[in-house]
Amino acid sequence: MRDDLGSSIADPPPPSIESRASWIAAGVTLAILSVAYGSTLLIVVGLRAMELDLGVSRSILALAGALTWIGTGLGGIIMGWLADRIGIRNSVLILLCHKTILRVSRWQHGQRGRVLAMARAIATRTDVIEVGT
């Protein structure tokens, strides 16, 4: 038996996209976006303290925040284009590899800086002041 719209009354309803996995993906995405977009606003909260600690003017710190927003916008456009070309999963893997390489290189640079500071302190027989730990 068919109704007025041409579909069979006995046809089962189409499967819903609201599964457990989709709600988990939505929750994880919300958490990531909250941290990602909220972290750029932290510069406003600590602007005066950062100005005093770093010894730079507020305009330099505000420029850093502005460049973060510009980079987020340009990165979103580039990653959207890349996701359309090679797929979402592959573009996320590329992004994660890029971030991992940056983290490792920053860590190695930081370790090298500490080693040089310790060597300088030993050579001049002064105390080592750990910065950023």
Protein backbone atom coordinates (compact mmCIF):
# COMPACT_ATOMS: atom_id res chain seq x y z
CA MET A 1 0.00 0.00 0.00
CA ARG A 2 1.32 3.47 -0.93
CA ASP A 3 0.52 6.83 0.64
CA ASP A 4 0.03 10.11 -1.25
CA LEU A 5 3.78 10.83 -1.46
CA GLY A 6 4.58 7.58 -3.26
CA SER A 7 6.42 5.83 -0.45
CA SER A 8 5.39 2.50 0.91
CA ILE A 9 3.84 2.52 4.37
CA ALA A 10 5.75 -0.67 5.20
CA ASP A 11 9.15 0.89 4.35
CA PRO A 12 11.36 1.26 7.43
CA PRO A 13 12.46 4.78 8.31
CA PRO A 14 15.90 5.82 7.02
CA PRO A 15 18.75 5.38 9.49
CA SER A 16 19.45 8.38 11.69
CA ILE A 17 22.79 10.16 11.73
CA GLU A 18 22.38 10.69 15.48
CA SER A 19 24.33 7.68 16.67
CA ARG A 20 26.54 7.31 19.71
CA ALA A 21 29.65 7.82 17.58
CA SER A 22 28.32 11.02 16.04
CA TRP A 23 27.56 12.51 19.47
CA ILE A 24 31.06 11.59 20.68
CA ALA A 25 32.57 13.23 17.58
CA ALA A 26 30.45 16.35 18.17
CA GLY A 27 31.53 16.54 21.82
CA VAL A 28 35.23 16.09 21.02
CA THR A 29 34.98 18.73 18.29
CA LEU A 30 33.31 21.15 20.69
CA ALA A 31 36.05 20.60 23.28
CA ILE A 32 38.84 21.09 20.73
CA LEU A 33 37.28 24.25 19.34
CA SER A 34 36.68 25.63 22.83
CA VAL A 35 40.35 25.25 23.71
CA ALA A 36 41.64 26.35 20.31
CA TYR A 37 39.59 29.52 20.02
CA GLY A 38 39.58 30.29 23.73
CA SER A 39 43.35 30.07 24.08
CA THR A 40 43.90 33.00 21.74
CA LEU A 41 41.82 35.17 24.05
CA LEU A 42 44.10 34.45 27.02
CA ILE A 43 46.53 37.08 25.76
CA VAL A 44 43.98 39.76 26.68
CA VAL A 45 43.77 38.50 30.26
CA GLY A 46 47.51 38.41 30.86
CA LEU A 47 48.55 41.38 28.73
CA ARG A 48 49.89 43.54 31.56
CA ALA A 49 51.74 40.67 33.27
CA MET A 50 53.29 39.57 29.98
CA GLU A 51 54.29 43.15 29.23
CA LEU A 52 56.13 43.39 32.54
CA ASP A 53 57.70 39.92 32.36
CA LEU A 54 58.88 40.15 28.76
CA GLY A 55 59.81 43.80 28.81
CA VAL A 56 58.01 44.61 25.56
CA SER A 57 55.24 47.07 24.78
CA ARG A 58 51.58 46.12 24.64
CA SER A 59 51.49 46.87 20.93
CA ILE A 60 53.96 44.03 20.26
CA LEU A 61 51.87 41.63 22.33
CA ALA A 62 48.68 42.81 20.60
CA LEU A 63 50.38 42.25 17.24
CA ALA A 64 51.15 38.68 18.31
CA GLY A 65 47.47 38.15 19.11
CA ALA A 66 46.39 39.71 15.81
CA LEU A 67 48.80 37.52 13.87
CA THR A 68 47.37 34.49 15.65
CA TRP A 69 43.88 35.37 14.43
CA ILE A 70 45.13 36.04 10.90
CA GLY A 71 46.98 32.72 10.91
CA THR A 72 43.88 30.93 12.15
CA GLY A 73 41.81 32.41 9.33
CA LEU A 74 44.35 31.66 6.61
CA GLY A 75 45.03 28.21 8.02
CA GLY A 76 41.32 27.43 8.02
CA ILE A 77 41.02 28.38 4.37
CA ILE A 78 44.08 26.34 3.42
CA MET A 79 43.05 23.30 5.46
CA GLY A 80 39.50 23.49 4.04
CA TRP A 81 40.89 23.49 0.51
CA LEU A 82 43.25 20.64 1.40
CA ALA A 83 40.43 18.62 2.97
CA ASP A 84 38.39 19.02 -0.23
CA ARG A 85 41.33 17.84 -2.34
CA ILE A 86 42.68 14.88 -0.34
CA GLY A 87 39.96 14.16 2.23
CA ILE A 88 39.38 15.15 5.82
CA ARG A 89 41.20 12.23 7.38
CA ASN A 90 44.39 12.75 5.35
CA SER A 91 44.39 16.51 5.96
CA VAL A 92 44.06 15.96 9.72
CA LEU A 93 46.97 13.49 9.60
CA ILE A 94 49.09 16.06 7.77
CA LEU A 95 48.19 18.70 10.37
CA LEU A 96 49.03 16.36 13.27
CA CYS A 97 52.39 15.43 11.71
CA HIS A 98 53.17 19.12 11.17
CA LYS A 99 52.31 19.97 14.79
CA THR A 100 54.36 17.03 16.09
CA ILE A 101 57.40 18.10 14.08
CA LEU A 102 57.07 21.66 15.38
CA ARG A 103 56.75 20.46 19.00
CA VAL A 104 59.79 18.20 18.74
CA SER A 105 61.90 20.91 17.11
CA ARG A 106 60.87 23.43 19.78
CA TRP A 107 61.65 20.92 22.52
CA GLN A 108 65.08 20.21 21.04
CA HIS A 109 65.80 23.91 20.66
CA GLY A 110 64.76 24.50 24.27
CA GLN A 111 66.99 21.69 25.48
CA ARG A 112 69.91 23.04 23.48
CA GLY A 113 69.32 26.48 24.99
CA ARG A 114 69.39 25.05 28.50
CA VAL A 115 72.56 23.10 27.78
CA LEU A 116 74.25 26.24 26.45
CA ALA A 117 73.11 28.22 29.50
CA MET A 118 74.50 25.53 31.81
CA ALA A 119 77.79 25.46 29.90
CA ARG A 120 78.07 29.23 30.09
CA ALA A 121 77.29 29.16 33.81
CA ILE A 122 79.90 26.49 34.43
CA ALA A 123 82.48 28.42 32.42
CA THR A 124 81.79 31.64 34.33
CA ARG A 125 81.11 29.84 37.62
CA THR A 126 77.67 31.41 38.14
CA ASP A 127 74.30 29.92 39.03
CA VAL A 128 72.02 28.68 36.25
CA ILE A 129 68.64 30.37 36.06
CA GLU A 130 66.05 28.12 34.45
CA VAL A 131 63.73 30.11 32.18
CA GLY A 132 60.30 28.76 31.28
CA THR A 133 60.23 25.73 33.55
